[in-house]
């Protein structure tokens, strides 16, 4: 009996018994056992909207991404919709000369974003999820995300104009408003303002965990939102911190956020996982402009395979725990069947 047990044990541990690569032999086998899947429904396509009806302006630092007028936005979203992209995130640009110290044009009901929201809602009804960015940086003459007092961000004074901006978007028909300013207490301020005006069904996509990052460079070109002095490190998170992400996410959830976000994505996959483990709210990750442009630049030079690297990056973001991916790659990934 002891000899049989010894022989059996030897056979069980012999080379060939445990070969994980058996399930990697063919594409069909790999697909069968794949643990991560990225679907079109997870994608949110960002758009930069100009305060005009017709315009298409290329963004040099973001190949294949454009600033568009409202009518051209409708055509782009219709094309994306056919690919399966059912969600958009809108960033606005004020008219020339409209920037001021308090970002007054941010809550203009006839501004670029409210106009775009109304046009999209009329064209697509409820078959499109319309998200809007709520921040003052593109509308202030100093380029900061809130109101300045004696040259410093005044957190509490910034809440009212942010709430007014969110209300303008909600009244136009936005499904979700997305505060990206990183002022403390802004989720509660938006929720109170929305509810007081009867917009109880308008959700809040909170940029809960937003780091001060060098990856935002191309976006600031696109939105013309670079600070005229200083930087945003006094209100955006320090890249050296990850435990702080749990605190920020927990606070925003308690204040009434419906969806939480981590931004950027690729340099913060560990943070996405960390936030995923402490919340049951839907979790978004923003694959930001610098992450997009770095891939595009390397691909243009033939240094990497764009389709392969985009596929790998999107799988990594999903594998880390994101339910929703905001990415400039969405259109190309689906049109090229890269996934």
Protein backbone atom coordinates (compact mmCIF):
# COMPACT_ATOMS: atom_id res chain seq x y z
CA UNK A 1 0.00 0.00 0.00
CA UNK A 2 2.82 2.38 0.88
CA UNK A 3 4.54 1.61 -2.46
CA UNK A 4 1.30 2.42 -4.37
CA UNK A 5 0.98 5.76 -2.52
CA UNK A 6 4.57 6.64 -3.26
CA UNK A 7 4.15 5.82 -6.96
CA UNK A 8 0.94 7.77 -7.20
CA UNK A 9 2.52 10.77 -5.53
CA UNK A 10 5.44 10.61 -7.93
CA UNK A 11 3.09 10.57 -10.93
CA UNK A 12 1.08 13.52 -9.62
CA UNK A 13 4.17 15.67 -9.27
CA UNK A 14 5.83 14.60 -12.50
CA UNK A 15 6.38 17.25 -15.23
CA UNK A 16 3.23 17.52 -17.34
CA UNK A 17 0.66 17.18 -14.57
CA UNK A 18 0.55 20.96 -13.93
CA UNK A 19 0.84 22.89 -17.18
CA UNK A 20 -1.10 26.17 -17.10
CA UNK A 21 0.05 26.91 -20.64
CA UNK A 22 -2.25 24.18 -21.98
CA UNK A 23 -5.04 26.76 -21.81
CA UNK A 24 -2.98 29.30 -23.74
CA UNK A 25 -2.40 27.15 -26.81
CA UNK A 26 -4.92 28.85 -29.12
CA UNK A 27 -6.83 32.12 -29.30
CA UNK A 28 -10.11 30.26 -28.77
CA UNK A 29 -8.81 28.62 -25.59
CA UNK A 30 -7.44 31.92 -24.31
CA UNK A 31 -10.80 33.60 -24.93
CA UNK A 32 -12.61 30.77 -23.17
CA UNK A 33 -10.73 31.25 -19.90
CA UNK A 34 -10.07 35.01 -20.06
CA UNK A 35 -10.67 36.63 -16.68
CA UNK A 36 -11.09 40.19 -17.93
CA UNK A 37 -13.36 41.55 -20.64
CA UNK A 38 -13.67 45.16 -21.80
CA UNK A 39 -17.04 46.00 -23.34
CA UNK A 40 -18.27 48.97 -25.36
CA UNK A 41 -20.83 49.78 -22.68
CA UNK A 42 -17.99 50.58 -20.25
CA UNK A 43 -16.59 53.39 -22.40
CA UNK A 44 -17.16 57.10 -21.94
CA UNK A 45 -15.88 59.28 -24.80
CA UNK A 46 -14.69 62.77 -23.80
CA UNK A 47 -15.51 65.76 -26.04
CA UNK A 48 -14.30 69.36 -26.10
CA UNK A 49 -17.17 71.66 -27.09
CA UNK A 50 -16.81 75.12 -28.62
CA UNK A 51 -19.49 77.80 -28.14
CA UNK A 52 -20.45 77.77 -31.82
CA UNK A 53 -22.61 75.64 -34.10
CA UNK A 54 -19.96 74.50 -36.58
CA UNK A 55 -16.24 74.09 -36.06
CA UNK A 56 -13.70 71.29 -36.07
CA UNK A 57 -10.34 72.23 -34.58
CA UNK A 58 -7.56 69.65 -34.29
CA UNK A 59 -5.68 69.44 -31.01
CA UNK A 60 -1.97 69.13 -31.92
CA UNK A 61 -0.98 67.36 -28.70
CA UNK A 62 -3.87 64.89 -28.98
CA UNK A 63 -3.88 63.28 -32.45
CA UNK A 64 -7.35 62.36 -33.77
CA UNK A 65 -9.12 64.37 -31.04
CA UNK A 66 -10.84 67.66 -31.88
CA UNK A 67 -12.58 70.68 -30.42
CA UNK A 68 -15.99 70.82 -32.09
CA UNK A 69 -19.00 73.04 -32.42
CA UNK A 70 -22.35 71.67 -31.31
CA UNK A 71 -23.51 70.50 -34.74
CA UNK A 72 -20.23 68.72 -35.41
CA UNK A 73 -20.40 67.18 -31.95
CA UNK A 74 -23.77 65.66 -32.85
CA UNK A 75 -22.29 64.03 -35.95
CA UNK A 76 -19.31 62.64 -33.99
CA UNK A 77 -21.53 61.25 -31.23
CA UNK A 78 -23.87 59.68 -33.78
CA UNK A 79 -20.93 57.89 -35.40
CA UNK A 80 -19.62 56.74 -32.02
CA UNK A 81 -23.10 55.61 -30.99
CA UNK A 82 -23.15 53.19 -33.91
CA UNK A 83 -19.93 51.67 -32.58
CA UNK A 84 -21.59 51.10 -29.20
CA UNK A 85 -20.34 54.15 -27.28
CA UNK A 86 -23.41 55.19 -25.31
CA UNK A 87 -21.82 57.68 -22.87
CA UNK A 88 -20.09 61.03 -23.32
CA UNK A 89 -18.27 63.46 -21.04
CA UNK A 90 -18.43 67.11 -22.13
CA UNK A 91 -15.86 69.85 -21.50
CA UNK A 92 -16.71 73.38 -22.51
CA UNK A 93 -14.86 76.43 -23.78
CA UNK A 94 -16.12 79.97 -23.14
CA UNK A 95 -16.45 82.58 -25.89
CA UNK A 96 -13.40 84.74 -26.58
CA UNK A 97 -12.98 87.40 -23.93
CA UNK A 98 -15.48 85.80 -21.55
CA UNK A 99 -13.03 84.60 -18.90
CA UNK A 100 -13.03 86.48 -15.63
CA UNK A 101 -11.86 86.08 -12.04
CA UNK A 102 -14.93 84.11 -10.92
CA UNK A 103 -15.67 82.07 -14.04
CA UNK A 104 -19.06 83.67 -14.59
CA UNK A 105 -19.53 82.13 -18.04
CA UNK A 106 -19.30 78.63 -16.53
CA UNK A 107 -22.97 78.76 -15.56
CA UNK A 108 -24.27 80.57 -18.65
CA UNK A 109 -27.32 78.54 -19.80
CA UNK A 110 -26.49 79.41 -23.40
CA UNK A 111 -22.88 78.33 -23.02
CA UNK A 112 -21.17 75.54 -24.96
CA UNK A 113 -21.96 72.69 -22.57
CA UNK A 114 -25.64 73.46 -21.82
CA UNK A 115 -26.22 74.01 -25.55
CA UNK A 116 -24.54 70.72 -26.37
CA UNK A 117 -26.50 68.87 -23.67
CA UNK A 118 -29.82 70.14 -25.02
CA UNK A 119 -28.89 69.21 -28.60
CA UNK A 120 -27.71 65.72 -27.61
CA UNK A 121 -30.77 65.07 -25.47
CA UNK A 122 -33.05 66.10 -28.33
CA UNK A 123 -31.18 63.89 -30.79
CA UNK A 124 -30.67 60.77 -28.65
CA UNK A 125 -33.26 60.93 -25.89
CA UNK A 126 -32.39 58.54 -23.09
CA UNK A 127 -30.28 56.32 -25.36
CA UNK A 128 -27.19 58.35 -24.48
CA UNK A 129 -25.69 58.99 -21.05
CA UNK A 130 -24.64 62.64 -20.93
CA UNK A 131 -22.01 63.54 -18.35
CA UNK A 132 -20.58 67.03 -17.91
CA UNK A 133 -17.42 68.29 -16.29
CA UNK A 134 -17.96 70.81 -13.50
CA UNK A 135 -14.88 72.95 -12.88
CA UNK A 136 -14.01 76.64 -13.23
CA UNK A 137 -10.49 76.28 -14.66
CA UNK A 138 -11.45 76.80 -18.33
CA UNK A 139 -13.62 79.81 -17.42
CA UNK A 140 -11.38 81.80 -15.04
CA UNK A 141 -8.77 84.25 -16.26
CA UNK A 142 -6.28 82.83 -13.75
CA UNK A 143 -6.87 79.19 -14.79
CA UNK A 144 -7.46 77.79 -11.32
CA UNK A 145 -10.36 75.49 -10.45
CA UNK A 146 -11.95 77.80 -7.90
CA UNK A 147 -12.14 81.38 -6.66
CA UNK A 148 -8.98 83.13 -5.51
CA UNK A 149 -8.74 85.29 -2.41
CA UNK A 150 -5.41 87.11 -2.00
CA UNK A 151 -3.93 84.79 -4.60
CA UNK A 152 -4.96 81.58 -2.84
CA UNK A 153 -7.80 79.16 -3.58
CA UNK A 154 -10.80 79.99 -1.42
CA UNK A 155 -12.39 76.57 -0.95
CA UNK A 156 -15.73 77.64 0.54
CA UNK A 157 -16.24 80.64 -1.74
CA UNK A 158 -15.74 78.31 -4.74
CA UNK A 159 -18.67 76.04 -3.87
CA UNK A 160 -21.50 78.38 -4.95
CA UNK A 161 -20.24 78.98 -8.53
CA UNK A 162 -19.55 75.26 -8.92
CA UNK A 163 -23.09 74.49 -7.81
CA UNK A 164 -24.43 77.10 -10.24
CA UNK A 165 -22.49 75.46 -13.06
CA UNK A 166 -23.87 72.04 -12.15
CA UNK A 167 -27.40 73.47 -12.08
CA UNK A 168 -27.00 74.93 -15.58
CA UNK A 169 -25.99 71.50 -16.86
CA UNK A 170 -28.77 69.70 -15.00
CA UNK A 171 -31.40 72.10 -16.30
CA UNK A 172 -30.18 71.46 -19.84
CA UNK A 173 -30.70 67.71 -19.33
CA UNK A 174 -27.39 66.20 -18.14
CA UNK A 175 -27.65 62.74 -16.57
CA UNK A 176 -24.56 63.20 -14.40
CA UNK A 177 -22.52 66.23 -13.39
CA UNK A 178 -18.87 65.64 -12.65
CA UNK A 179 -17.13 67.94 -10.17
CA UNK A 180 -13.41 67.79 -10.97
CA UNK A 181 -12.25 70.82 -8.98
CA UNK A 182 -11.19 68.94 -5.82
CA UNK A 183 -12.66 71.50 -3.42
CA UNK A 184 -13.57 69.95 -0.08
CA UNK A 185 -17.33 69.60 0.39
CA UNK A 186 -18.24 70.23 -3.23
CA UNK A 187 -20.20 66.98 -3.68
CA UNK A 188 -22.49 67.89 -0.79
CA UNK A 189 -22.84 71.44 -2.14
CA UNK A 190 -23.84 70.16 -5.58
CA UNK A 191 -26.24 67.59 -4.15
CA UNK A 192 -27.95 70.20 -1.99
CA UNK A 193 -28.24 72.67 -4.86
CA UNK A 194 -29.55 70.07 -7.31
CA UNK A 195 -32.13 68.75 -4.86
CA UNK A 196 -33.29 72.24 -3.89
CA UNK A 197 -34.07 72.96 -7.55
CA UNK A 198 -35.88 69.68 -8.13
CA UNK A 199 -33.05 67.86 -9.91
CA UNK A 200 -33.14 64.87 -7.60
CA UNK A 201 -32.64 62.49 -10.54
CA UNK A 202 -29.42 64.15 -11.73
CA UNK A 203 -26.47 62.05 -10.58
CA UNK A 204 -23.01 63.08 -9.45
CA UNK A 205 -19.92 61.53 -11.02
CA UNK A 206 -17.33 62.62 -8.50
CA UNK A 207 -13.68 63.02 -9.44
CA UNK A 208 -13.13 61.71 -5.93
CA UNK A 209 -9.48 60.73 -6.30
CA UNK A 210 -7.81 63.23 -8.62
CA UNK A 211 -4.05 63.56 -8.45
CA UNK A 212 -1.91 66.57 -9.34
CA UNK A 213 -0.37 65.00 -12.43
CA UNK A 214 1.97 65.80 -15.30
CA UNK A 215 -0.25 63.56 -17.45
CA UNK A 216 -2.78 66.40 -17.85
CA UNK A 217 -0.59 68.48 -20.18
CA UNK A 218 -2.36 67.80 -23.50
CA UNK A 219 -5.78 68.29 -21.89
CA UNK A 220 -4.80 71.76 -20.72
CA UNK A 221 -3.89 72.60 -24.32
CA UNK A 222 -7.27 71.32 -25.49
CA UNK A 223 -9.31 73.13 -22.83
CA UNK A 224 -7.05 76.21 -22.56
CA UNK A 225 -7.08 75.68 -18.81
CA UNK A 226 -3.48 75.99 -17.64
CA UNK A 227 -2.99 78.02 -14.44
CA UNK A 228 -1.57 81.46 -15.16
CA UNK A 229 0.47 81.26 -11.96
CA UNK A 230 1.37 78.54 -9.49
CA UNK A 231 -0.02 75.03 -9.77
CA UNK A 232 -2.86 72.91 -8.39
CA UNK A 233 -0.95 70.93 -5.81
CA UNK A 234 -2.68 72.65 -2.90
CA UNK A 235 -6.01 71.06 -3.85
CA UNK A 236 -5.30 68.07 -6.10
CA UNK A 237 -3.85 64.97 -4.47
CA UNK A 238 -0.15 64.21 -3.97
CA UNK A 239 1.01 61.36 -6.20
CA UNK A 240 2.97 59.87 -3.31
CA UNK A 241 -0.22 59.10 -1.37
CA UNK A 242 -2.59 56.17 -1.73
CA UNK A 243 -4.19 55.78 1.73
CA UNK A 244 -5.53 59.31 1.24
CA UNK A 245 -7.51 58.01 -1.74
CA UNK A 246 -9.67 55.95 0.60
CA UNK A 247 -10.41 59.02 2.68
CA UNK A 248 -11.38 61.13 -0.34
CA UNK A 249 -13.57 58.39 -1.82
CA UNK A 250 -15.28 57.72 1.50
CA UNK A 251 -16.02 61.42 2.04
CA UNK A 252 -17.52 61.87 -1.44
CA UNK A 253 -19.64 58.75 -1.09
CA UNK A 254 -20.98 60.07 2.22
CA UNK A 255 -21.75 63.44 0.62
CA UNK A 256 -23.94 61.82 -2.04
CA UNK A 257 -21.76 60.83 -4.99
CA UNK A 258 -23.37 58.26 -7.28
CA UNK A 259 -20.19 57.22 -9.09
CA UNK A 260 -16.58 57.62 -7.92
CA UNK A 261 -13.58 58.24 -10.16
CA UNK A 262 -9.82 57.77 -9.99
CA UNK A 263 -7.75 60.04 -12.25
CA UNK A 264 -5.28 59.37 -13.91
CA UNK A 265 -5.63 55.64 -14.52
CA UNK A 266 -2.46 53.90 -15.66
CA UNK A 267 -0.05 55.39 -13.13
CA UNK A 268 -2.59 54.72 -10.38
CA UNK A 269 -3.80 51.17 -10.96
CA UNK A 270 -2.97 50.35 -7.34
CA UNK A 271 -5.23 53.20 -6.24
CA UNK A 272 -8.08 51.96 -8.45
CA UNK A 273 -7.79 48.58 -6.73
CA UNK A 274 -7.61 50.18 -3.30
CA UNK A 275 -10.77 52.24 -3.87
CA UNK A 276 -12.54 49.27 -5.45
CA UNK A 277 -12.05 47.29 -2.26
CA UNK A 278 -13.70 49.87 0.01
CA UNK A 279 -16.83 50.83 -1.97
CA UNK A 280 -19.78 49.22 -3.70
CA UNK A 281 -20.45 52.36 -5.76
CA UNK A 282 -19.68 52.16 -9.49
CA UNK A 283 -16.03 53.10 -10.05
CA UNK A 284 -14.74 55.03 -13.05
CA UNK A 285 -11.14 55.52 -14.14
CA UNK A 286 -9.99 58.32 -16.43
CA UNK A 287 -7.39 57.24 -18.99
CA UNK A 288 -6.18 60.82 -19.31
CA UNK A 289 -4.78 62.90 -22.17
CA UNK A 290 -1.10 62.35 -21.41
CA UNK A 291 -1.58 58.60 -21.24
CA UNK A 292 -3.39 58.76 -24.59
CA UNK A 293 -0.88 61.07 -26.29
CA UNK A 294 2.13 59.07 -25.12
CA UNK A 295 0.72 55.97 -26.83
CA UNK A 296 -0.13 57.92 -30.00
CA UNK A 297 3.32 59.50 -30.21
CA UNK A 298 5.14 56.19 -29.78
CA UNK A 299 2.85 54.47 -32.29
CA UNK A 300 3.41 57.20 -34.89
CA UNK A 301 7.15 56.58 -34.60
CA UNK A 302 6.71 52.84 -34.96
CA UNK A 303 8.01 52.21 -31.47
CA UNK A 304 5.01 50.16 -30.39
CA UNK A 305 1.88 48.51 -31.76
CA UNK A 306 -0.96 50.93 -30.98
CA UNK A 307 -3.74 48.34 -31.02
CA UNK A 308 -1.83 45.93 -28.80
CA UNK A 309 -0.79 48.54 -26.25
CA UNK A 310 -4.28 50.08 -26.06
CA UNK A 311 -5.78 46.62 -25.54
CA UNK A 312 -3.28 45.90 -22.78
CA UNK A 313 -3.87 49.25 -21.07
CA UNK A 314 -7.66 48.96 -21.14
CA UNK A 315 -7.52 45.42 -19.77
CA UNK A 316 -5.22 46.62 -16.99
CA UNK A 317 -7.64 49.39 -15.98
CA UNK A 318 -10.55 46.96 -15.91
CA UNK A 319 -8.53 44.28 -14.12
CA UNK A 320 -7.63 46.82 -11.42
CA UNK A 321 -11.33 47.21 -10.65
CA UNK A 322 -12.80 49.99 -12.82
CA UNK A 323 -16.38 49.51 -14.01
CA UNK A 324 -16.30 52.54 -16.31
CA UNK A 325 -13.41 53.75 -18.47
CA UNK A 326 -13.24 57.34 -19.67
CA UNK A 327 -10.82 57.17 -22.58
CA UNK A 328 -9.92 58.96 -25.81
CA UNK A 329 -9.07 55.52 -27.23
CA UNK A 330 -12.71 54.36 -27.16
CA UNK A 331 -13.55 55.21 -30.77
CA UNK A 332 -10.43 53.68 -32.32
CA UNK A 333 -10.54 50.60 -30.08
CA UNK A 334 -14.07 49.74 -31.17
CA UNK A 335 -13.75 50.77 -34.82
CA UNK A 336 -10.53 48.77 -35.14
CA UNK A 337 -11.89 45.80 -33.17
CA UNK A 338 -8.84 45.99 -30.96
CA UNK A 339 -10.60 44.33 -28.03
